[in-house]
Protein backbone atom coordinates (compact mmCIF):
# COMPACT_ATOMS: atom_id res chain seq x y z
CA MET A 1 11.97 8.87 14.24
CA LYS A 2 13.39 5.40 13.65
CA ARG A 3 10.30 3.83 15.19
CA ILE A 4 8.07 5.66 12.72
CA ILE A 5 10.12 4.44 9.77
CA ILE A 6 9.83 0.84 10.99
CA ALA A 7 6.21 0.95 12.23
CA GLY A 8 4.77 2.93 9.32
CA PRO A 9 5.25 0.29 6.64
CA ILE A 10 3.90 -2.44 8.89
CA VAL A 11 0.71 -0.46 9.51
CA TRP A 12 0.18 0.22 5.79
CA ILE A 13 0.88 -3.41 4.86
CA VAL A 14 -1.67 -4.63 7.43
CA ILE A 15 -4.21 -2.11 6.10
CA HIS A 16 -3.47 -3.18 2.53
CA TYR A 17 -4.03 -6.80 3.50
CA ALA A 18 -7.20 -6.27 5.57
CA VAL A 19 -9.13 -3.85 3.36
CA PRO A 20 -9.84 -6.29 0.47
CA TRP A 21 -11.21 -8.80 2.95
CA ALA A 22 -13.52 -6.14 4.40
CA TYR A 23 -14.54 -5.01 0.92
CA VAL A 24 -15.51 -8.52 -0.11
CA LYS A 25 -17.46 -9.04 3.11
CA PHE A 26 -19.36 -5.73 3.16
CA CYS A 27 -19.58 -4.65 -0.48
CA THR A 28 -19.80 -7.83 -2.57
CA PRO A 29 -22.01 -10.39 -0.82
CA ALA A 30 -22.01 -13.97 -2.12
CA GLY A 31 -24.65 -15.50 -4.36
CA PHE A 32 -27.11 -14.14 -6.88
CA ILE A 33 -28.79 -11.88 -4.31
CA GLY A 34 -25.34 -10.58 -3.41
CA PHE A 35 -24.75 -9.85 -7.08
CA LEU A 36 -27.88 -7.71 -7.12
CA GLU A 37 -26.95 -6.05 -3.82
CA SER A 38 -23.48 -5.18 -5.12
CA ILE A 39 -25.10 -2.98 -7.77
CA LEU A 40 -26.53 -0.82 -4.99
CA LEU A 41 -23.46 -1.06 -2.77
CA THR A 42 -21.07 0.17 -5.45
CA ASN A 43 -21.61 3.81 -4.50
CA ALA A 44 -22.19 3.26 -0.80
CA PRO A 45 -19.97 5.50 1.36
CA HIS A 46 -18.30 2.64 3.19
CA CYS A 47 -17.44 0.85 -0.06
CA GLU A 48 -15.99 4.02 -1.57
CA ALA A 49 -13.96 4.56 1.60
CA LEU A 50 -12.59 1.01 1.41
CA ARG A 51 -11.60 1.44 -2.25
CA TYR A 52 -9.92 4.76 -1.44
CA THR A 53 -8.08 3.21 1.51
CA LEU A 54 -6.80 0.37 -0.66
CA SER A 55 -5.58 2.81 -3.30
CA LEU A 56 -3.92 5.02 -0.68
CA SER A 57 -2.22 2.08 1.03
CA SER A 58 -0.75 0.81 -2.24
CA TYR A 59 0.53 4.31 -3.07
CA ASN A 60 2.13 4.67 0.37
CA ILE A 61 3.77 1.23 0.17
CA LYS A 62 5.20 2.17 -3.24
CA CYS A 63 6.58 5.45 -1.90
CA MET A 64 8.07 3.74 1.16
CA SER A 65 9.85 1.19 -1.02
CA ILE A 66 11.41 4.06 -2.98
CA VAL A 67 12.52 5.72 0.27
CA TRP A 68 13.95 2.43 1.53
CA GLY A 69 15.85 1.91 -1.72
CA ALA A 70 17.26 5.43 -1.65
CA SER A 71 18.22 5.00 2.02
CA ILE A 72 20.02 1.73 1.32
CA LEU A 73 21.89 3.27 -1.63
CA GLY A 74 22.83 6.28 0.47
CA TYR A 75 24.09 4.04 3.26
CA LEU A 76 26.11 1.92 0.84
CA THR A 77 27.72 4.87 -0.88
CA ASN A 78 28.49 6.79 2.33
CA ASN A 79 29.48 4.07 4.78
CA LEU A 80 30.80 1.18 2.70
CA SER A 81 32.69 3.10 0.01
CA VAL A 82 30.58 1.66 -2.81
CA LYS A 83 31.07 3.67 -5.97
CA ILE A 84 28.18 4.66 -8.22
CA PRO A 85 29.18 3.86 -11.80
CA ASN A 86 29.71 6.69 -14.23
CA ASN A 87 28.17 5.50 -17.49
CA LYS A 88 29.28 8.19 -19.91
CA ILE A 89 29.39 6.78 -23.40
């Protein structure tokens, strides 16, 4: 289980880094001809899959950062006797 928690974020970060490079290479070619080709490639299945993968990777990275933050707070409060402030006004 600990390996999944450590390896999961690394995989999603690598995917999040690599997908924009692939999208630029395959879906938005350079030059004026590339500009015209990108009109047709906008709805191509591989371009839609790359956009979806980028969106999914950013969502998963956001969720993992929330889990990491909650885990760190739980560790601090349980193991290091850190008190959570009670802000009743």
